[in-house]
N, C-alpha and C. Protein backbone atom coordinates (compact mmCIF):
# COMPACT_ATOMS: atom_id res chain seq x y z
N MET A 1 80.23 100.73 98.94
CA MET A 1 82.06 101.22 99.12
C MET A 1 82.84 99.62 99.69
N ASP A 2 84.53 99.84 99.20
CA ASP A 2 85.21 98.61 99.42
C ASP A 2 85.78 99.02 100.52
N GLN A 3 86.90 98.07 100.66
CA GLN A 3 87.70 98.60 101.72
C GLN A 3 88.86 98.76 101.95
N THR A 4 88.70 100.14 100.78
CA THR A 4 90.05 100.92 100.54
C THR A 4 90.22 101.81 101.40
N VAL A 5 91.59 102.52 101.89
CA VAL A 5 91.97 102.94 102.83
C VAL A 5 92.37 104.56 102.18
N VAL A 6 91.78 105.75 102.22
CA VAL A 6 92.11 106.34 101.08
C VAL A 6 93.01 107.67 102.04
N VAL A 7 94.18 108.19 101.70
CA VAL A 7 94.55 108.83 102.27
C VAL A 7 95.67 110.35 100.70
N GLY A 8 94.80 111.45 101.40
CA GLY A 8 95.64 112.79 100.85
C GLY A 8 96.53 113.25 101.41
N VAL A 9 97.90 113.28 100.14
CA VAL A 9 99.63 113.75 100.59
C VAL A 9 99.55 115.18 99.75
N ASP A 10 100.24 115.54 100.52
CA ASP A 10 100.91 116.96 99.76
C ASP A 10 102.50 117.32 99.91
N GLY A 11 103.19 116.23 100.88
CA GLY A 11 104.28 115.87 100.74
C GLY A 11 104.90 116.64 101.96
N SER A 12 104.34 117.42 102.94
CA SER A 12 104.50 117.61 104.05
C SER A 12 104.97 116.92 104.73
N PRO A 13 105.19 117.03 106.24
CA PRO A 13 105.58 116.01 107.19
C PRO A 13 104.60 115.34 107.70
N ALA A 14 102.67 116.47 107.90
CA ALA A 14 101.84 115.60 108.46
C ALA A 14 101.31 114.76 106.88
N SER A 15 101.17 115.37 106.40
CA SER A 15 100.48 114.35 105.03
C SER A 15 101.58 113.13 105.11
N ARG A 16 102.54 112.80 105.33
CA ARG A 16 103.85 111.69 105.31
C ARG A 16 103.71 111.11 106.37
N ALA A 17 103.19 111.63 107.90
CA ALA A 17 102.56 110.58 108.71
C ALA A 17 101.61 109.94 108.71
N ALA A 18 100.58 110.89 107.86
CA ALA A 18 99.42 110.68 107.52
C ALA A 18 99.23 109.22 106.56
N PHE A 19 100.27 109.37 105.44
CA PHE A 19 100.78 108.38 104.88
C PHE A 19 101.37 106.72 105.53
N ARG A 20 102.07 106.84 106.48
CA ARG A 20 101.96 105.85 106.89
C ARG A 20 101.28 105.32 107.43
N TRP A 21 100.17 106.12 108.56
CA TRP A 21 99.42 105.76 108.92
C TRP A 21 98.27 104.72 108.59
N ALA A 22 98.14 105.42 107.15
CA ALA A 22 97.17 104.86 106.74
C ALA A 22 97.38 103.21 105.86
N VAL A 23 98.96 103.10 105.49
CA VAL A 23 99.39 101.86 105.10
C VAL A 23 99.51 100.66 106.56
N GLU A 24 99.75 101.50 107.22
CA GLU A 24 99.38 100.26 108.56
C GLU A 24 98.18 100.00 108.95
N GLU A 25 97.73 100.64 108.78
CA GLU A 25 95.74 100.52 108.54
C GLU A 25 95.50 99.72 107.43
N GLY A 26 95.70 99.73 106.74
CA GLY A 26 95.40 98.93 105.64
C GLY A 26 95.97 97.68 105.60
N GLU A 27 97.53 97.69 106.21
CA GLU A 27 97.67 96.06 106.72
C GLU A 27 97.15 95.41 107.31
N ARG A 28 96.67 96.06 108.69
CA ARG A 28 95.81 95.55 109.65
C ARG A 28 94.65 95.53 109.03
N ARG A 29 93.80 95.78 107.94
CA ARG A 29 92.47 95.59 107.69
C ARG A 29 93.05 94.53 106.25
N GLY A 30 94.12 94.31 106.08
CA GLY A 30 94.01 93.77 104.50
C GLY A 30 93.73 94.31 103.40
N CYS A 31 93.78 95.59 103.33
CA CYS A 31 93.19 96.56 102.09
C CYS A 31 94.08 97.30 101.16
N ALA A 32 93.62 97.59 100.32
CA ALA A 32 94.67 98.62 99.15
C ALA A 32 94.71 99.72 100.15
N VAL A 33 95.95 100.79 99.82
CA VAL A 33 95.92 101.93 100.47
C VAL A 33 95.90 103.18 98.87
N GLU A 34 94.70 103.96 98.68
CA GLU A 34 94.77 104.73 97.57
C GLU A 34 95.19 106.01 98.01
N VAL A 35 96.50 106.25 97.31
CA VAL A 35 97.31 107.77 97.82
C VAL A 35 96.97 108.64 97.20
N ILE A 36 96.36 109.52 97.42
CA ILE A 36 95.91 110.74 96.42
C ILE A 36 96.83 112.30 96.78
N HIS A 37 97.34 112.99 95.99
CA HIS A 37 97.55 114.11 95.53
C HIS A 37 97.34 115.27 95.04
N ALA A 38 96.55 115.89 95.62
CA ALA A 38 95.57 116.74 94.42
C ALA A 38 96.60 117.74 94.57
N TRP A 39 95.97 118.78 93.02
CA TRP A 39 96.90 119.76 92.44
C TRP A 39 95.94 120.98 91.75
N HIS A 40 95.94 122.02 91.85
CA HIS A 40 95.40 122.88 90.78
C HIS A 40 96.49 124.28 90.92
N VAL A 41 95.95 124.64 90.06
CA VAL A 41 96.34 126.02 89.70
C VAL A 41 95.63 127.46 89.94
N ASP A 42 95.72 127.82 90.67
CA ASP A 42 94.74 129.20 91.16
C ASP A 42 94.93 130.42 90.54
N HIS A 43 94.67 130.39 89.33
CA HIS A 43 94.61 131.40 88.51
C HIS A 43 94.43 132.94 89.18
N ALA A 44 93.77 132.66 90.11
CA ALA A 44 92.68 134.17 90.75
C ALA A 44 93.62 134.56 91.64
N LEU A 45 94.96 134.21 91.85
CA LEU A 45 95.93 135.00 92.60
C LEU A 45 96.97 135.49 92.12
N VAL A 46 96.99 135.50 90.68
CA VAL A 46 97.43 136.13 89.83
C VAL A 46 96.42 137.44 89.05
N ILE A 47 97.22 138.48 89.42
CA ILE A 47 96.80 140.21 89.31
C ILE A 47 97.50 140.66 87.99
N GLY A 48 97.41 141.18 87.38
CA GLY A 48 98.14 141.70 85.89
C GLY A 48 98.66 140.87 85.26
N PRO A 49 99.72 141.88 85.11
CA PRO A 49 101.50 141.55 84.38
C PRO A 49 102.26 140.46 84.93
N VAL A 50 102.53 139.78 84.61
CA VAL A 50 103.63 138.86 85.60
C VAL A 50 105.11 138.60 84.74
N SER A 51 106.33 138.18 85.28
CA SER A 51 107.27 138.14 84.63
C SER A 51 107.59 136.95 84.01
N ALA A 52 107.98 136.75 83.18
CA ALA A 52 108.37 135.19 82.48
C ALA A 52 108.86 134.25 83.74
N SER A 53 109.48 134.32 84.56
CA SER A 53 109.78 133.33 85.38
C SER A 53 108.59 132.95 86.38
N VAL A 54 107.81 133.96 86.33
CA VAL A 54 106.49 132.99 86.84
C VAL A 54 105.58 132.96 86.02
N ALA A 55 105.56 133.15 84.63
CA ALA A 55 104.43 132.66 84.22
C ALA A 55 105.32 131.05 83.58
N ALA A 56 106.33 130.91 83.14
CA ALA A 56 106.95 129.28 83.30
C ALA A 56 106.39 128.71 84.25
N ALA A 57 106.60 128.99 85.49
CA ALA A 57 106.47 128.39 87.19
C ALA A 57 105.03 127.99 87.02
N MET A 58 104.09 128.64 86.29
CA MET A 58 102.52 128.15 85.99
C MET A 58 102.48 127.32 85.09
N ASP A 59 103.45 127.27 84.45
CA ASP A 59 102.89 125.84 83.11
C ASP A 59 102.50 124.81 83.59
N THR A 60 101.24 124.31 83.18
CA THR A 60 100.50 123.21 83.97
C THR A 60 101.14 121.85 83.83
N GLY A 61 101.69 121.79 82.47
CA GLY A 61 102.91 120.58 82.53
C GLY A 61 103.70 120.14 83.43
N ALA A 62 104.74 121.74 83.87
CA ALA A 62 105.84 121.45 84.48
C ALA A 62 105.21 121.23 86.21
N LEU A 63 104.29 121.97 86.62
CA LEU A 63 103.41 121.98 87.80
C LEU A 63 103.12 120.40 87.91
N ARG A 64 102.30 120.06 87.17
CA ARG A 64 101.93 118.39 87.21
C ARG A 64 102.89 117.29 87.45
N ASP A 65 104.18 117.66 86.34
CA ASP A 65 105.32 116.88 86.42
C ASP A 65 106.38 117.18 88.48
N GLY A 66 106.42 118.17 88.60
CA GLY A 66 106.83 118.38 89.85
C GLY A 66 105.52 117.64 91.08
N HIS A 67 104.29 117.65 90.91
CA HIS A 67 103.27 117.45 91.58
C HIS A 67 103.56 115.92 91.58
N ARG A 68 103.67 115.00 90.84
CA ARG A 68 103.77 113.45 90.33
C ARG A 68 105.15 113.21 90.92
N ALA A 69 105.84 114.41 90.89
CA ALA A 69 107.28 114.36 91.89
C ALA A 69 107.48 113.86 93.21
N VAL A 70 106.41 114.88 93.74
CA VAL A 70 105.81 114.71 95.28
C VAL A 70 105.35 113.12 95.56
N LEU A 71 104.31 113.17 95.04
CA LEU A 71 103.85 112.29 95.18
C LEU A 71 104.73 110.63 95.14
N ASP A 72 105.70 110.88 93.89
CA ASP A 72 106.34 109.02 94.11
C ASP A 72 107.14 109.25 95.01
N GLU A 73 107.67 110.05 95.46
CA GLU A 73 108.50 110.16 96.67
C GLU A 73 108.12 110.03 97.73
N VAL A 74 107.08 110.39 98.31
CA VAL A 74 106.02 109.89 99.51
C VAL A 74 106.03 108.82 99.51
N VAL A 75 105.49 107.89 98.24
CA VAL A 75 104.89 106.57 98.23
C VAL A 75 105.73 105.65 97.92
N GLY A 76 107.50 106.28 97.90
CA GLY A 76 108.54 105.50 97.59
C GLY A 76 109.11 105.43 99.08
N GLU A 77 108.72 106.02 99.99
CA GLU A 77 109.37 105.98 101.83
C GLU A 77 109.00 105.10 102.39
N VAL A 78 107.54 104.17 101.69
CA VAL A 78 107.41 103.27 102.70
C VAL A 78 107.51 101.83 102.03
N GLU A 79 108.18 101.15 102.59
CA GLU A 79 107.57 99.31 101.93
C GLU A 79 105.97 98.47 102.73
N THR A 80 106.13 98.20 101.79
CA THR A 80 104.61 97.35 102.54
C THR A 80 104.08 96.38 101.19
N ASP A 81 103.68 94.82 101.67
CA ASP A 81 102.95 94.49 100.70
C ASP A 81 101.59 94.33 100.38
N VAL A 82 100.99 96.06 101.23
CA VAL A 82 99.87 96.30 100.83
C VAL A 82 99.60 97.00 99.50
N GLU A 83 98.45 96.63 98.50
CA GLU A 83 98.36 97.44 97.34
C GLU A 83 98.30 98.98 97.76
N VAL A 84 99.37 99.47 97.29
CA VAL A 84 99.07 101.02 96.82
C VAL A 84 98.89 101.53 95.68
N ARG A 85 98.01 102.34 95.72
CA ARG A 85 97.69 103.03 94.25
C ARG A 85 97.82 104.46 94.25
N PRO A 86 98.34 104.93 93.56
CA PRO A 86 99.16 106.45 93.56
C PRO A 86 98.02 107.01 92.74
N ALA A 87 97.14 108.15 93.08
CA ALA A 87 96.47 109.08 91.91
C ALA A 87 97.07 110.34 92.42
N LEU A 88 97.07 111.19 91.17
CA LEU A 88 97.28 112.31 91.15
C LEU A 88 96.41 112.89 90.27
N VAL A 89 95.79 114.26 91.23
CA VAL A 89 94.47 114.46 90.40
C VAL A 89 94.47 116.12 90.45
N GLU A 90 94.09 116.81 89.57
CA GLU A 90 93.75 118.10 89.27
C GLU A 90 92.31 118.39 89.74
N GLY A 91 92.51 119.74 91.03
CA GLY A 91 91.27 119.81 91.52
C GLY A 91 91.58 119.94 93.00
N ASP A 92 90.60 120.97 93.60
CA ASP A 92 90.99 121.51 94.94
C ASP A 92 90.69 120.03 95.83
N ALA A 93 91.75 119.98 96.77
CA ALA A 93 92.06 119.04 97.79
C ALA A 93 90.67 118.31 98.55
N ARG A 94 90.00 119.42 99.02
CA ARG A 94 88.95 119.37 99.60
C ARG A 94 88.14 118.53 98.80
N ASP A 95 87.62 118.88 97.82
CA ASP A 95 86.80 118.59 96.79
C ASP A 95 86.84 116.76 96.20
N VAL A 96 88.51 116.64 96.15
CA VAL A 96 88.66 115.14 95.48
C VAL A 96 88.75 114.64 96.34
N LEU A 97 89.15 114.79 97.87
CA LEU A 97 89.11 113.68 98.83
C LEU A 97 88.09 113.42 99.29
N VAL A 98 86.58 114.11 99.37
CA VAL A 98 85.50 114.35 99.78
C VAL A 98 84.99 113.10 98.51
N LYS A 99 85.02 113.49 97.45
CA LYS A 99 84.68 112.60 96.20
C LYS A 99 85.28 111.18 96.52
N ALA A 100 86.46 110.68 96.78
CA ALA A 100 87.37 109.65 96.84
C ALA A 100 86.19 109.35 98.24
N SER A 101 86.15 109.62 99.41
CA SER A 101 85.44 109.35 100.42
C SER A 101 84.16 108.30 99.95
N GLU A 102 83.68 108.80 99.06
CA GLU A 102 82.38 107.79 98.33
C GLU A 102 82.54 106.47 98.19
N HIS A 103 83.94 105.97 97.65
CA HIS A 103 84.08 104.83 97.78
C HIS A 103 85.28 103.80 98.41
N ALA A 104 85.33 104.84 99.70
CA ALA A 104 86.24 104.09 100.80
C ALA A 104 85.90 103.98 101.99
N ALA A 105 86.72 103.15 102.47
CA ALA A 105 86.14 102.87 104.06
C ALA A 105 86.73 103.64 105.01
N LEU A 106 87.54 104.56 104.64
CA LEU A 106 88.39 105.37 105.68
C LEU A 106 88.65 106.44 104.58
N LEU A 107 89.45 107.42 105.52
CA LEU A 107 89.90 108.28 104.74
C LEU A 107 90.45 109.28 106.25
N VAL A 108 92.03 109.39 105.55
CA VAL A 108 92.83 109.54 106.07
C VAL A 108 93.88 111.08 105.71
N VAL A 109 93.76 111.97 106.31
CA VAL A 109 94.51 113.52 106.26
C VAL A 109 95.15 113.52 106.97
N GLY A 110 96.26 114.81 107.08
CA GLY A 110 97.42 115.07 107.85
C GLY A 110 96.71 116.93 108.18
N SER A 111 96.93 117.00 109.45
CA SER A 111 96.84 118.17 109.87
C SER A 111 98.23 119.06 110.31
N ARG A 112 98.00 120.21 109.53
CA ARG A 112 99.63 120.73 109.81
C ARG A 112 99.34 121.84 111.37
N GLY A 113 98.02 122.20 111.69
CA GLY A 113 98.16 123.03 112.34
C GLY A 113 97.85 124.30 112.43
N VAL A 114 97.53 124.73 111.21
CA VAL A 114 97.55 126.41 110.55
C VAL A 114 96.95 127.43 112.18
N GLY A 115 96.08 126.57 112.88
CA GLY A 115 95.86 127.88 114.09
C GLY A 115 94.27 128.10 113.47
N PRO A 116 93.46 128.60 114.20
CA PRO A 116 92.13 129.26 113.72
C PRO A 116 92.03 130.58 112.79
N ILE A 117 92.85 131.15 113.03
CA ILE A 117 92.64 132.32 112.19
C ILE A 117 92.94 131.78 110.50
N ARG A 118 94.07 131.25 110.42
CA ARG A 118 94.48 131.03 109.15
C ARG A 118 93.60 129.96 108.41
N GLU A 119 92.83 129.01 109.45
CA GLU A 119 91.73 128.05 108.75
C GLU A 119 90.52 128.97 108.67
N VAL A 120 89.86 130.13 109.31
CA VAL A 120 88.78 130.57 108.76
C VAL A 120 88.70 131.17 107.46
N LEU A 121 90.53 131.81 107.45
CA LEU A 121 90.94 132.61 106.43
C LEU A 121 90.82 131.31 104.98
N LEU A 122 91.81 130.70 104.90
CA LEU A 122 92.23 129.51 104.17
C LEU A 122 91.59 128.12 103.95
N GLY A 123 90.88 127.89 105.03
CA GLY A 123 89.67 126.97 104.91
C GLY A 123 91.03 125.48 105.32
N SER A 124 90.48 124.66 105.73
CA SER A 124 91.29 123.54 106.39
C SER A 124 91.12 122.03 105.80
N VAL A 125 92.01 121.35 105.16
CA VAL A 125 91.64 120.38 104.09
C VAL A 125 90.94 119.24 105.09
N GLY A 126 91.54 118.81 106.11
CA GLY A 126 91.31 118.10 107.08
C GLY A 126 89.79 118.26 107.73
N SER A 127 89.61 119.82 108.14
CA SER A 127 88.02 120.11 108.12
C SER A 127 87.03 120.23 107.76
N TYR A 128 87.87 120.30 106.60
CA TYR A 128 86.44 120.35 105.57
C TYR A 128 85.77 118.40 105.13
N CYS A 129 86.66 117.75 105.35
CA CYS A 129 86.71 116.03 105.73
C CYS A 129 86.15 115.77 106.25
N VAL A 130 85.93 115.92 107.22
CA VAL A 130 85.55 115.86 108.65
C VAL A 130 84.24 116.09 108.80
N HIS A 131 83.70 117.24 108.25
CA HIS A 131 81.97 117.63 108.35
C HIS A 131 81.64 116.84 107.06
N HIS A 132 82.40 116.59 105.46
CA HIS A 132 81.99 116.23 104.55
C HIS A 132 81.83 115.49 103.78
N ALA A 133 82.79 114.15 104.58
CA ALA A 133 83.42 112.60 103.61
C ALA A 133 81.99 111.83 103.93
N LYS A 134 81.93 111.05 103.25
CA LYS A 134 81.01 109.58 103.28
C LYS A 134 81.14 108.84 104.11
N CYS A 135 82.30 108.81 104.71
CA CYS A 135 82.97 107.77 105.57
C CYS A 135 83.95 108.67 106.35
N PRO A 136 84.09 106.60 107.67
CA PRO A 136 84.96 107.83 108.63
C PRO A 136 86.29 108.82 108.66
N VAL A 137 86.73 109.46 108.82
CA VAL A 137 88.32 110.51 108.46
C VAL A 137 89.00 110.18 110.12
N VAL A 138 90.10 109.94 109.99
CA VAL A 138 91.21 110.27 110.53
C VAL A 138 92.22 111.35 110.41
N VAL A 139 92.14 112.60 111.32
CA VAL A 139 93.36 113.74 111.16
C VAL A 139 94.36 113.60 112.06
N LEU A 140 95.66 113.24 111.50
CA LEU A 140 96.72 113.38 112.19
C LEU A 140 97.38 114.52 112.43
N ARG A 141 97.65 114.84 113.39
CA ARG A 141 98.37 116.39 113.24
C ARG A 141 99.99 115.55 112.87
N GLN A 142 100.47 117.20 112.66
CA GLN A 142 101.97 116.81 112.14
C GLN A 142 102.93 116.80 113.38
N PRO A 143 103.68 115.61 113.11
CA PRO A 143 104.37 115.33 114.29
C PRO A 143 105.46 116.51 114.90
N GLU A 144 105.59 115.82 116.14
CA GLU A 144 106.40 117.07 117.00
C GLU A 144 107.92 116.39 116.33
N PRO A 145 108.55 117.58 116.10
CA PRO A 145 110.21 117.48 116.11
C PRO A 145 110.66 117.05 116.86
N GLU A 146 111.56 115.93 116.64
CA GLU A 146 112.69 115.19 117.88
C GLU A 146 113.48 116.14 118.44
N ARG A 147 113.54 116.39 119.51
CA ARG A 147 114.53 116.96 120.47
C ARG A 147 115.44 116.27 121.04
N PRO A 148 116.54 116.85 120.99
CA PRO A 148 117.14 115.75 121.54
C PRO A 148 117.09 116.20 123.41
N GLU A 149 117.64 114.81 123.97
CA GLU A 149 117.38 114.61 125.26
C GLU A 149 118.56 115.75 126.09
N PRO A 150 118.02 116.64 126.94
CA PRO A 150 118.62 117.50 127.59
C PRO A 150 119.87 117.03 128.58
N LYS A 151 121.23 117.68 128.18
CA LYS A 151 122.14 116.82 129.27
C LYS A 151 122.07 117.41 130.67
N PRO A 152 122.30 116.61 131.26
CA PRO A 152 122.51 117.38 132.58
C PRO A 152 123.85 118.18 133.08
N VAL A 153 123.51 119.20 133.87
CA VAL A 153 124.51 120.21 133.78
C VAL A 153 125.06 119.36 135.30
N VAL A 154 126.42 119.46 135.06
CA VAL A 154 126.97 119.09 136.19
C VAL A 154 128.34 120.30 136.51
N THR A 155 128.19 120.64 138.03
CA THR A 155 128.75 121.58 138.36
C THR A 155 129.89 121.11 139.07
N PRO A 156 131.16 121.80 139.29
CA PRO A 156 132.16 121.02 140.40
C PRO A 156 132.29 120.94 142.08
N GLY A 157 130.97 121.98 142.20
CA GLY A 157 130.58 121.74 143.50
C GLY A 157 131.19 123.46 143.68
N PRO A 158 130.85 123.79 145.21
CA PRO A 158 130.87 125.06 145.62
C PRO A 158 132.35 125.75 145.25
N LEU A 159 132.54 126.29 144.94
CA LEU A 159 133.56 127.40 144.77
C LEU A 159 134.26 127.93 145.81
N LEU A 160 135.48 127.87 146.47
CA LEU A 160 135.79 128.71 147.57
C LEU A 160 136.80 129.52 147.42
């Protein structure tokens, strides 16, 4: 096991926060950060004939290019002196990240907070990684949206 911090990203606000945190941790540890964007085409979701636009949207090359653009965008948001190693990997995110945890000192993922029902139905990458990773796992919750500070209500006083 080396001192690499591995972080999974998918372009969501939670994964972007996880990437920023992983870079800060890489800076503290003085180690590289491997940024993994896992993707796959779930052909099981397609039942019956599909329209030309749906078929075009499933073009593997176009999908790969779209995912590469997301990875490049996320990586480009942070400036650091730490070595950042982007990796676009075809496969289920859970399996890809657990495999990467075999050579990592730390695995970082974001959590969108999908809730218990969706987590049972869809599975949670963070939950899966916590239970199966070969290294410590940090799960960061999706950042709360910034809310403007409420303005005080000023009344002119009693109306006579």
